[in-house]
C-alpha atoms as a PDB file:
ATOM      1  CA  UNK A   1      14.400   2.923  -9.154  1.00  0.00           C
ATOM      2  CA  UNK A   2      13.017   1.496  -5.918  1.00  0.00           C
ATOM      3  CA  UNK A   3       9.342   0.602  -6.279  1.00  0.00           C
ATOM      4  CA  UNK A   4       6.877  -0.463  -3.605  1.00  0.00           C
ATOM      5  CA  UNK A   5       4.382  -3.033  -4.871  1.00  0.00           C
ATOM      6  CA  UNK A   6       1.061  -3.226  -3.044  1.00  0.00           C
ATOM      7  CA  UNK A   7      -0.750  -6.493  -3.673  1.00  0.00           C
ATOM      8  CA  UNK A   8       2.443  -8.069  -4.933  1.00  0.00           C
ATOM      9  CA  UNK A   9       1.652 -11.640  -3.910  1.00  0.00           C
ATOM     10  CA  UNK A  10      -1.568 -12.001  -5.909  1.00  0.00           C
ATOM     11  CA  UNK A  11      -2.401 -13.399  -9.335  1.00  0.00           C
ATOM     12  CA  UNK A  12      -1.741 -10.058 -11.065  1.00  0.00           C
ATOM     13  CA  UNK A  13       0.555  -8.334  -8.585  1.00  0.00           C
ATOM     14  CA  UNK A  14       3.218 -11.040  -8.433  1.00  0.00           C
ATOM     15  CA  UNK A  15       3.937 -11.001 -12.197  1.00  0.00           C
ATOM     16  CA  UNK A  16       4.381  -7.217 -12.047  1.00  0.00           C
ATOM     17  CA  UNK A  17       6.749  -7.455  -9.077  1.00  0.00           C
ATOM     18  CA  UNK A  18       8.789 -10.072 -10.925  1.00  0.00           C
ATOM     19  CA  UNK A  19       8.794  -8.080 -14.173  1.00  0.00           C
ATOM     20  CA  UNK A  20       9.945  -4.945 -12.361  1.00  0.00           C
ATOM     21  CA  UNK A  21      12.767  -6.863 -10.723  1.00  0.00           C
ATOM     22  CA  UNK A  22      13.749  -8.429 -14.056  1.00  0.00           C
ATOM     23  CA  UNK A  23      13.902  -4.914 -15.532  1.00  0.00           C
ATOM     24  CA  UNK A  24      16.501  -3.951 -12.929  1.00  0.00           C
ATOM     25  CA  UNK A  25      14.378  -2.159 -10.348  1.00  0.00           C
ATOM     26  CA  UNK A  26      14.671  -2.702  -6.611  1.00  0.00           C
ATOM     27  CA  UNK A  27      11.274  -3.992  -5.503  1.00  0.00           C
ATOM     28  CA  UNK A  28       9.784  -3.786  -2.035  1.00  0.00           C
ATOM     29  CA  UNK A  29       6.642  -5.812  -1.295  1.00  0.00           C
ATOM     30  CA  UNK A  30       3.996  -4.489   1.102  1.00  0.00           C
ATOM     31  CA  UNK A  31       2.240  -7.306   2.927  1.00  0.00           C
ATOM     32  CA  UNK A  32       0.188  -7.902   6.042  1.00  0.00           C
ATOM     33  CA  UNK A  33       1.767 -11.370   6.275  1.00  0.00           C
ATOM     34  CA  UNK A  34       5.504 -11.248   5.623  1.00  0.00           C
ATOM     35  CA  UNK A  35       5.999 -14.992   6.075  1.00  0.00           C
ATOM     36  CA  UNK A  36       3.376 -15.755   3.439  1.00  0.00           C
ATOM     37  CA  UNK A  37       4.805 -13.127   1.086  1.00  0.00           C
ATOM     38  CA  UNK A  38       8.324 -14.550   1.347  1.00  0.00           C
ATOM     39  CA  UNK A  39       7.018 -18.061   0.749  1.00  0.00           C
ATOM     40  CA  UNK A  40       5.254 -16.813  -2.387  1.00  0.00           C
ATOM     41  CA  UNK A  41       8.006 -14.655  -3.883  1.00  0.00           C
ATOM     42  CA  UNK A  42      11.303 -15.718  -2.331  1.00  0.00           C
ATOM     43  CA  UNK A  43      14.190 -13.823  -0.801  1.00  0.00           C
ATOM     44  CA  UNK A  44      15.220 -11.638  -3.738  1.00  0.00           C
ATOM     45  CA  UNK A  45      12.641  -8.994  -2.810  1.00  0.00           C
ATOM     46  CA  UNK A  46      12.613  -6.518   0.047  1.00  0.00           C
ATOM     47  CA  UNK A  47       9.572  -6.729   2.322  1.00  0.00           C
ATOM     48  CA  UNK A  48       7.664  -4.248   4.460  1.00  0.00           C
ATOM     49  CA  UNK A  49       4.835  -5.002   6.852  1.00  0.00           C
ATOM     50  CA  UNK A  50       1.816  -2.805   6.288  1.00  0.00           C
ATOM     51  CA  UNK A  51      -1.812  -2.343   5.383  1.00  0.00           C
ATOM     52  CA  UNK A  52      -3.466   0.152   3.034  1.00  0.00           C
ATOM     53  CA  UNK A  53      -5.891   0.983   5.847  1.00  0.00           C
ATOM     54  CA  UNK A  54      -2.942   2.066   8.029  1.00  0.00           C
ATOM     55  CA  UNK A  55      -1.445   5.335   6.716  1.00  0.00           C
ATOM     56  CA  UNK A  56       1.535   5.208   9.076  1.00  0.00           C
ATOM     57  CA  UNK A  57       2.540   1.788   7.765  1.00  0.00           C
ATOM     58  CA  UNK A  58       2.217   3.062   4.194  1.00  0.00           C
ATOM     59  CA  UNK A  59       4.490   6.013   4.892  1.00  0.00           C
ATOM     60  CA  UNK A  60       7.098   3.729   6.438  1.00  0.00           C
ATOM     61  CA  UNK A  61       6.918   1.282   3.527  1.00  0.00           C
ATOM     62  CA  UNK A  62       7.142   4.069   0.935  1.00  0.00           C
ATOM     63  CA  UNK A  63      10.113   5.736   2.600  1.00  0.00           C
ATOM     64  CA  UNK A  64      13.071   5.539   0.233  1.00  0.00           C
ATOM     65  CA  UNK A  65      10.943   4.538  -2.765  1.00  0.00           C
ATOM     66  CA  UNK A  66      10.571   6.600  -5.922  1.00  0.00           C
ATOM     67  CA  UNK A  67       7.401   4.872  -7.132  1.00  0.00           C
ATOM     68  CA  UNK A  68       4.548   2.612  -6.075  1.00  0.00           C
ATOM     69  CA  UNK A  69       2.484   0.074  -8.003  1.00  0.00           C
ATOM     70  CA  UNK A  70      -0.993  -0.615  -6.606  1.00  0.00           C
ATOM     71  CA  UNK A  71      -2.905  -3.845  -7.163  1.00  0.00           C
ATOM     72  CA  UNK A  72      -5.918  -4.051  -4.843  1.00  0.00           C
ATOM     73  CA  UNK A  73      -9.006  -6.234  -4.647  1.00  0.00           C
ATOM     74  CA  UNK A  74     -11.602  -5.190  -2.109  1.00  0.00           C
ATOM     75  CA  UNK A  75     -13.513  -8.456  -2.410  1.00  0.00           C
ATOM     76  CA  UNK A  76     -16.606  -8.217  -0.249  1.00  0.00           C
ATOM     77  CA  UNK A  77     -15.708  -4.582   0.492  1.00  0.00           C
ATOM     78  CA  UNK A  78     -15.228  -2.958  -2.943  1.00  0.00           C
ATOM     79  CA  UNK A  79     -14.705   0.481  -1.409  1.00  0.00           C
ATOM     80  CA  UNK A  80     -11.472  -0.779   0.160  1.00  0.00           C
ATOM     81  CA  UNK A  81      -9.889  -0.162  -3.230  1.00  0.00           C
ATOM     82  CA  UNK A  82     -10.846   3.528  -3.183  1.00  0.00           C
ATOM     83  CA  UNK A  83      -9.732   3.969   0.418  1.00  0.00           C
ATOM     84  CA  UNK A  84      -6.509   2.075  -0.163  1.00  0.00           C
ATOM     85  CA  UNK A  85      -5.549   4.089  -3.228  1.00  0.00           C
ATOM     86  CA  UNK A  86      -6.406   7.397  -1.570  1.00  0.00           C
ATOM     87  CA  UNK A  87      -4.363   6.477   1.505  1.00  0.00           C
ATOM     88  CA  UNK A  88      -1.450   5.391  -0.675  1.00  0.00           C
ATOM     89  CA  UNK A  89      -1.533   8.583  -2.738  1.00  0.00           C
ATOM     90  CA  UNK A  90      -1.535  10.755   0.386  1.00  0.00           C
ATOM     91  CA  UNK A  91       1.349   8.774   1.874  1.00  0.00           C
ATOM     92  CA  UNK A  92       3.264   8.978  -1.414  1.00  0.00           C
ATOM     93  CA  UNK A  93       2.856  12.759  -1.506  1.00  0.00           C
ATOM     94  CA  UNK A  94       3.995  13.034   2.100  1.00  0.00           C
ATOM     95  CA  UNK A  95       7.235  11.069   1.717  1.00  0.00           C
ATOM     96  CA  UNK A  96       8.172  12.341  -1.750  1.00  0.00           C
ATOM     97  CA  UNK A  97       7.320   9.414  -4.025  1.00  0.00           C
ATOM     98  CA  UNK A  98       7.224  10.605  -7.650  1.00  0.00           C
ATOM     99  CA  UNK A  99       5.063   8.050  -9.454  1.00  0.00           C
ATOM    100  CA  UNK A 100       2.019   5.839  -8.964  1.00  0.00           C
ATOM    101  CA  UNK A 101       0.932   3.001 -11.208  1.00  0.00           C
ATOM    102  CA  UNK A 102      -2.397   1.294 -10.658  1.00  0.00           C
ATOM    103  CA  UNK A 103      -4.435  -1.515 -12.182  1.00  0.00           C
ATOM    104  CA  UNK A 104      -8.037  -0.481 -12.814  1.00  0.00           C
ATOM    105  CA  UNK A 105     -10.288  -2.070 -15.442  1.00  0.00           C
ATOM    106  CA  UNK A 106     -11.388  -1.800 -19.068  1.00  0.00           C
ATOM    107  CA  UNK A 107     -15.019  -0.994 -18.219  1.00  0.00           C
ATOM    108  CA  UNK A 108     -14.279   1.675 -15.613  1.00  0.00           C
ATOM    109  CA  UNK A 109     -16.034   4.907 -16.613  1.00  0.00           C
ATOM    110  CA  UNK A 110     -18.470   7.362 -15.079  1.00  0.00           C
ATOM    111  CA  UNK A 111     -21.337   5.690 -16.964  1.00  0.00           C
ATOM    112  CA  UNK A 112     -20.686   2.379 -15.212  1.00  0.00           C
ATOM    113  CA  UNK A 113     -20.340   3.581 -11.624  1.00  0.00           C
ATOM    114  CA  UNK A 114     -23.693   2.099 -10.652  1.00  0.00           C
ATOM    115  CA  UNK A 115     -21.722  -1.077  -9.953  1.00  0.00           C
ATOM    116  CA  UNK A 116     -19.879  -0.777  -6.631  1.00  0.00           C
ATOM    117  CA  UNK A 117     -16.600  -2.276  -7.815  1.00  0.00           C
ATOM    118  CA  UNK A 118     -16.436   0.099 -10.771  1.00  0.00           C
ATOM    119  CA  UNK A 119     -17.339   3.089  -8.605  1.00  0.00           C
ATOM    120  CA  UNK A 120     -14.426   2.305  -6.286  1.00  0.00           C
ATOM    121  CA  UNK A 121     -11.988   2.018  -9.182  1.00  0.00           C
ATOM    122  CA  UNK A 122     -13.330   5.178 -10.847  1.00  0.00           C
ATOM    123  CA  UNK A 123     -12.805   7.185  -7.651  1.00  0.00           C
ATOM    124  CA  UNK A 124      -9.372   5.623  -7.158  1.00  0.00           C
ATOM    125  CA  UNK A 125      -8.393   6.734 -10.667  1.00  0.00           C
ATOM    126  CA  UNK A 126      -9.642  10.249  -9.908  1.00  0.00           C
ATOM    127  CA  UNK A 127      -7.533  10.429  -6.749  1.00  0.00           C
ATOM    128  CA  UNK A 128      -4.419   9.472  -8.702  1.00  0.00           C
ATOM    129  CA  UNK A 129      -5.055  12.007 -11.478  1.00  0.00           C
ATOM    130  CA  UNK A 130      -5.655  14.776  -8.943  1.00  0.00           C
ATOM    131  CA  UNK A 131      -2.515  13.966  -6.944  1.00  0.00           C
ATOM    132  CA  UNK A 132      -0.049  15.885  -9.093  1.00  0.00           C
ATOM    133  CA  UNK A 133       2.171  12.797  -9.206  1.00  0.00           C
ATOM    134  CA  UNK A 134       3.318  11.040 -12.347  1.00  0.00           C
ATOM    135  CA  UNK A 135       1.043   8.089 -13.046  1.00  0.00           C
ATOM    136  CA  UNK A 136       0.156   5.144 -15.235  1.00  0.00           C
ATOM    137  CA  UNK A 137      -3.385   3.794 -14.897  1.00  0.00           C
ATOM    138  CA  UNK A 138      -3.771   0.386 -16.502  1.00  0.00           C
ATOM    139  CA  UNK A 139      -7.227  -0.597 -17.727  1.00  0.00           C
ATOM    140  CA  UNK A 140      -6.996  -4.247 -18.775  1.00  0.00           C
ATOM    141  CA  UNK A 141      -9.745  -6.522 -19.967  1.00  0.00           C
ATOM    142  CA  UNK A 142     -10.327 -10.060 -18.629  1.00  0.00           C
ATOM    143  CA  UNK A 143      -7.226 -12.065 -17.791  1.00  0.00           C
ATOM    144  CA  UNK A 144      -6.686 -15.594 -19.052  1.00  0.00           C
ATOM    145  CA  UNK A 145      -5.572 -16.503 -15.533  1.00  0.00           C
ATOM    146  CA  UNK A 146      -9.177 -16.164 -14.321  1.00  0.00           C
ATOM    147  CA  UNK A 147     -10.423 -19.074 -16.455  1.00  0.00           C
ATOM    148  CA  UNK A 148      -9.680 -21.822 -13.888  1.00  0.00           C
ATOM    149  CA  UNK A 149     -12.093 -20.074 -11.507  1.00  0.00           C
ATOM    150  CA  UNK A 150     -14.986 -20.895 -13.816  1.00  0.00           C
ATOM    151  CA  UNK A 151     -14.532 -24.624 -13.183  1.00  0.00           C
ATOM    152  CA  UNK A 152     -15.861 -25.951  -9.887  1.00  0.00           C
ATOM    153  CA  UNK A 153     -16.986 -29.351  -8.686  1.00  0.00           C
ATOM    154  CA  UNK A 154     -16.568 -30.871 -12.126  1.00  0.00           C
ATOM    155  CA  UNK A 155     -18.630 -28.193 -13.867  1.00  0.00           C
ATOM    156  CA  UNK A 156     -17.584 -25.339 -16.121  1.00  0.00           C
ATOM    157  CA  UNK A 157     -20.076 -22.498 -16.286  1.00  0.00           C
ATOM    158  CA  UNK A 158     -20.656 -18.798 -16.610  1.00  0.00           C
ATOM    159  CA  UNK A 159     -23.640 -16.818 -15.353  1.00  0.00           C
ATOM    160  CA  UNK A 160     -25.974 -15.402 -17.987  1.00  0.00           C
ATOM    161  CA  UNK A 161     -25.382 -15.453 -21.729  1.00  0.00           C
ATOM    162  CA  UNK A 162     -22.370 -13.062 -21.738  1.00  0.00           C
ATOM    163  CA  UNK A 163     -22.542 -12.369 -25.502  1.00  0.00           C
ATOM    164  CA  UNK A 164     -19.946  -9.586 -25.611  1.00  0.00           C
ATOM    165  CA  UNK A 165     -16.509 -10.570 -26.949  1.00  0.00           C
ATOM    166  CA  UNK A 166     -13.505  -9.857 -24.735  1.00  0.00           C
ATOM    167  CA  UNK A 167      -9.895  -9.441 -25.853  1.00  0.00           C
ATOM    168  CA  UNK A 168      -8.403 -11.772 -23.256  1.00  0.00           C
ATOM    169  CA  UNK A 169      -4.930 -10.826 -22.052  1.00  0.00           C
ATOM    170  CA  UNK A 170      -2.198 -12.823 -20.314  1.00  0.00           C
ATOM    171  CA  UNK A 171      -0.865 -11.556 -16.991  1.00  0.00           C
ATOM    172  CA  UNK A 172       2.701 -11.863 -18.283  1.00  0.00           C
ATOM    173  CA  UNK A 173       1.982  -9.448 -21.147  1.00  0.00           C
ATOM    174  CA  UNK A 174       0.358  -6.948 -18.802  1.00  0.00           C
ATOM    175  CA  UNK A 175       3.243  -7.247 -16.322  1.00  0.00           C
ATOM    176  CA  UNK A 176       5.790  -6.579 -19.063  1.00  0.00           C
ATOM    177  CA  UNK A 177       3.859  -3.476 -20.106  1.00  0.00           C
ATOM    178  CA  UNK A 178       3.586  -2.245 -16.523  1.00  0.00           C
ATOM    179  CA  UNK A 179       7.338  -2.610 -16.047  1.00  0.00           C
ATOM    180  CA  UNK A 180       8.023  -0.870 -19.367  1.00  0.00           C
ATOM    181  CA  UNK A 181       5.956   2.138 -18.296  1.00  0.00           C
ATOM    182  CA  UNK A 182       8.544   3.032 -15.661  1.00  0.00           C
ATOM    183  CA  UNK A 183      11.039   3.758 -18.444  1.00  0.00           C
ATOM    184  CA  UNK A 184       8.914   6.665 -19.716  1.00  0.00           C
ATOM    185  CA  UNK A 185       9.726   9.961 -17.947  1.00  0.00           C
ATOM    186  CA  UNK A 186       7.077  12.402 -16.728  1.00  0.00           C
ATOM    187  CA  UNK A 187       4.297   9.963 -17.521  1.00  0.00           C
ATOM    188  CA  UNK A 188       0.655  10.834 -16.875  1.00  0.00           C
ATOM    189  CA  UNK A 189      -1.424   8.408 -18.926  1.00  0.00           C
ATOM    190  CA  UNK A 190      -4.020   5.688 -18.829  1.00  0.00           C
ATOM    191  CA  UNK A 191      -3.479   2.539 -20.866  1.00  0.00           C
ATOM    192  CA  UNK A 192      -6.127   0.140 -22.135  1.00  0.00           C
ATOM    193  CA  UNK A 193      -4.603  -3.335 -22.232  1.00  0.00           C
ATOM    194  CA  UNK A 194      -6.198  -5.795 -24.661  1.00  0.00           C
ATOM    195  CA  UNK A 195      -4.988  -9.135 -25.963  1.00  0.00           C
ATOM    196  CA  UNK A 196      -4.606 -10.097 -29.639  1.00  0.00           C
ATOM    197  CA  UNK A 197      -7.895 -11.995 -30.080  1.00  0.00           C
ATOM    198  CA  UNK A 198     -11.535 -11.571 -29.040  1.00  0.00           C
ATOM    199  CA  UNK A 199     -13.646 -14.385 -27.621  1.00  0.00           C
ATOM    200  CA  UNK A 200     -16.801 -14.525 -25.548  1.00  0.00           C
ATOM    201  CA  UNK A 201     -16.546 -15.868 -22.015  1.00  0.00           C
ATOM    202  CA  UNK A 202     -18.098 -19.154 -23.047  1.00  0.00           C
ATOM    203  CA  UNK A 203     -15.786 -19.556 -26.038  1.00  0.00           C
ATOM    204  CA  UNK A 204     -12.715 -18.901 -23.906  1.00  0.00           C
ATOM    205  CA  UNK A 205     -13.946 -21.220 -21.176  1.00  0.00           C
ATOM    206  CA  UNK A 206     -14.579 -24.009 -23.685  1.00  0.00           C
ATOM    207  CA  UNK A 207     -11.068 -23.596 -25.084  1.00  0.00           C
ATOM    208  CA  UNK A 208      -9.726 -23.853 -21.535  1.00  0.00           C
ATOM    209  CA  UNK A 209     -11.779 -26.984 -20.884  1.00  0.00           C
ATOM    210  CA  UNK A 210     -10.696 -28.603 -24.153  1.00  0.00           C
ATOM    211  CA  UNK A 211      -7.051 -28.123 -23.176  1.00  0.00           C
ATOM    212  CA  UNK A 212      -7.144 -28.795 -19.433  1.00  0.00           C
ATOM    213  CA  UNK A 213     -10.361 -30.739 -18.802  1.00  0.00           C
ATOM    214  CA  UNK A 214     -11.015 -32.754 -21.990  1.00  0.00           C
ATOM    215  CA  UNK A 215     -14.656 -33.705 -22.412  1.00  0.00           C
ATOM    216  CA  UNK A 216     -15.954 -31.000 -20.078  1.00  0.00           C
ATOM    217  CA  UNK A 217     -18.493 -28.709 -21.736  1.00  0.00           C
ATOM    218  CA  UNK A 218     -18.835 -25.044 -20.838  1.00  0.00           C
ATOM    219  CA  UNK A 219     -22.363 -24.137 -19.838  1.00  0.00           C
ATOM    220  CA  UNK A 220     -24.395 -21.040 -18.983  1.00  0.00           C
ATOM    221  CA  UNK A 221     -26.406 -20.730 -15.783  1.00  0.00           C
ATOM    222  CA  UNK A 222     -29.437 -18.420 -16.183  1.00  0.00           C
ATOM    223  CA  UNK A 223     -29.554 -15.581 -13.691  1.00  0.00           C
ATOM    224  CA  UNK A 224     -32.941 -16.648 -12.323  1.00  0.00           C
ATOM    225  CA  UNK A 225     -31.604 -20.099 -11.492  1.00  0.00           C
ATOM    226  CA  UNK A 226     -28.394 -18.661 -10.075  1.00  0.00           C
ATOM    227  CA  UNK A 227     -30.542 -16.489  -7.803  1.00  0.00           C
ATOM    228  CA  UNK A 228     -32.406 -19.534  -6.509  1.00  0.00           C
ATOM    229  CA  UNK A 229     -29.192 -21.482  -5.903  1.00  0.00           C
ATOM    230  CA  UNK A 230     -27.615 -18.470  -4.185  1.00  0.00           C
ATOM    231  CA  UNK A 231     -30.218 -18.704  -1.414  1.00  0.00           C
ATOM    232  CA  UNK A 232     -28.934 -22.123  -0.394  1.00  0.00           C
ATOM    233  CA  UNK A 233     -26.504 -22.529   2.537  1.00  0.00           C
ATOM    234  CA  UNK A 234     -22.858 -22.217   1.541  1.00  0.00           C
ATOM    235  CA  UNK A 235     -23.579 -20.304  -1.675  1.00  0.00           C
ATOM    236  CA  UNK A 236     -22.042 -16.991  -0.604  1.00  0.00           C
ATOM    237  CA  UNK A 237     -19.578 -16.937  -3.508  1.00  0.00           C
ATOM    238  CA  UNK A 238     -22.407 -17.410  -6.017  1.00  0.00           C
ATOM    239  CA  UNK A 239     -24.408 -14.638  -4.369  1.00  0.00           C
ATOM    240  CA  UNK A 240     -21.417 -12.320  -4.751  1.00  0.00           C
ATOM    241  CA  UNK A 241     -20.822 -13.359  -8.370  1.00  0.00           C
ATOM    242  CA  UNK A 242     -24.335 -12.622  -9.643  1.00  0.00           C
ATOM    243  CA  UNK A 243     -24.090  -8.780  -9.590  1.00  0.00           C
ATOM    244  CA  UNK A 244     -20.681  -8.946 -11.266  1.00  0.00           C
ATOM    245  CA  UNK A 245     -21.894 -11.151 -14.115  1.00  0.00           C
ATOM    246  CA  UNK A 246     -25.027  -9.027 -14.567  1.00  0.00           C
ATOM    247  CA  UNK A 247     -22.735  -6.031 -14.856  1.00  0.00           C
ATOM    248  CA  UNK A 248     -20.451  -7.743 -17.371  1.00  0.00           C
ATOM    249  CA  UNK A 249     -23.409  -8.745 -19.527  1.00  0.00           C
ATOM    250  CA  UNK A 250     -24.438  -5.129 -20.089  1.00  0.00           C
ATOM    251  CA  UNK A 251     -21.073  -3.356 -20.447  1.00  0.00           C
ATOM    252  CA  UNK A 252     -18.349  -3.482 -23.062  1.00  0.00           C
ATOM    253  CA  UNK A 253     -14.637  -2.883 -23.141  1.00  0.00           C
ATOM    254  CA  UNK A 254     -13.927   0.831 -23.409  1.00  0.00           C
ATOM    255  CA  UNK A 255     -11.167   2.881 -24.943  1.00  0.00           C
ATOM    256  CA  UNK A 256      -8.468   2.051 -27.456  1.00  0.00           C
ATOM    257  CA  UNK A 257      -5.280   0.051 -26.817  1.00  0.00           C
ATOM    258  CA  UNK A 258      -3.363   1.845 -29.574  1.00  0.00           C
ATOM    259  CA  UNK A 259      -1.323   4.144 -27.336  1.00  0.00           C
ATOM    260  CA  UNK A 260      -0.499   1.376 -24.876  1.00  0.00           C
ATOM    261  CA  UNK A 261       0.573  -0.889 -27.715  1.00  0.00           C
ATOM    262  CA  UNK A 262       2.730   1.822 -29.285  1.00  0.00           C
ATOM    263  CA  UNK A 263       4.466   2.921 -26.083  1.00  0.00           C
ATOM    264  CA  UNK A 264       4.650  -0.332 -24.150  1.00  0.00           C
ATOM    265  CA  UNK A 265       4.530  -3.076 -26.787  1.00  0.00           C
ATOM    266  CA  UNK A 266       1.323  -4.882 -27.671  1.00  0.00           C
ATOM    267  CA  UNK A 267       0.306  -8.097 -25.903  1.00  0.00           C
ATOM    268  CA  UNK A 268       1.123 -11.063 -28.120  1.00  0.00           C
ATOM    269  CA  UNK A 269       0.030 -14.104 -26.111  1.00  0.00           C
ATOM    270  CA  UNK A 270      -2.959 -15.863 -27.646  1.00  0.00           C
ATOM    271  CA  UNK A 271      -5.226 -18.040 -25.557  1.00  0.00           C
ATOM    272  CA  UNK A 272      -3.889 -21.099 -27.365  1.00  0.00           C
ATOM    273  CA  UNK A 273      -0.297 -20.157 -26.506  1.00  0.00           C
ATOM    274  CA  UNK A 274      -1.233 -19.499 -22.891  1.00  0.00           C
ATOM    275  CA  UNK A 275      -3.013 -22.847 -22.638  1.00  0.00           C
ATOM    276  CA  UNK A 276       0.012 -24.649 -24.066  1.00  0.00           C
ATOM    277  CA  UNK A 277       2.143 -23.058 -21.363  1.00  0.00           C
ATOM    278  CA  UNK A 278      -0.367 -24.019 -18.703  1.00  0.00           C
ATOM    279  CA  UNK A 279      -0.339 -27.638 -19.862  1.00  0.00           C
ATOM    280  CA  UNK A 280       3.461 -27.810 -19.969  1.00  0.00           C
ATOM    281  CA  UNK A 281       3.705 -26.465 -16.408  1.00  0.00           C
ATOM    282  CA  UNK A 282       1.057 -28.814 -15.026  1.00  0.00           C
END
C-alpha cells in the first residue's frame, strides 16, 4: 500500500512513517520544506511538496496513494487542524484514496469542546467519520516524548497541581499500532491508546529528572503565579501553555483501550524502559 503521511517529520509523525515503511508500505511524506524533510528522514521515503491549506497540493500528493495518515498540530492556530483534516478528506475522496488514519487525543469528546484545541480535533474526527472512507482515529494519552519539554532553564515544572493520573505511552508503541491498523480490512474504528502504567504529570516528570537530570526536583507553578509571569516580555510560550494546563487539570482520559490492545497489540513500554533507552542514546 502507498500511504501519504502528513506531519511525518514531527515527534509523533516520524515514528509512524518509519513504522509504516518497516511494515512494507511505500511511504510518501508531505512537507512544505522538502530539504528539511529529507534531512530528517533520509532518502528511503518519497516526498511531495504541499500544504494542508492548499487543496491542489493535497490532491497532487495523494495521487497514486491508497491511504493517508494525518498528524497535525495547529499550534497558535488550533483550528488549522480542523481545516487541514477537512481539506485532506475532500482531496482523498476526489482522487480515490480509500483510508484515512488520524491522531486525535484521549480527552477529545463533545463535553470538552470548550477548549479550542479539543474542538478542532472533535470536528476533525467528525469530518473523517462522515467521509464514507475507511478510517482509524487514534486517541492517545500523553506521550513520554513530551517530558523533556517540561525542563527549561534548569527548572522542571508543571502548571497547576495536575492530580489526575495519566497512562503515559511511548511514541514507538503508538507508531507500531498505527502501522498495524493498515492490516485490518474495511476498518472504521477509533482506538484509545494507553500505556501500561499510570502516573501523574509530576510523578512522571520526577522520574524523568531522576534519570536524565539527577538532583533536579519537579515542581508545580500555581496558575496565579504563571499568569503574572506570562505578562512579562518573552513569555509567549507560558501564556499559551496556561489554558492547556487548566484544561488538563479538569479533564480525564476517556474511553477504553481494550479494543485497541486486542486488535493492534497493547503498548508495553514502561516509563522506566523508555528512560533507559533515552539514556543509552544520549
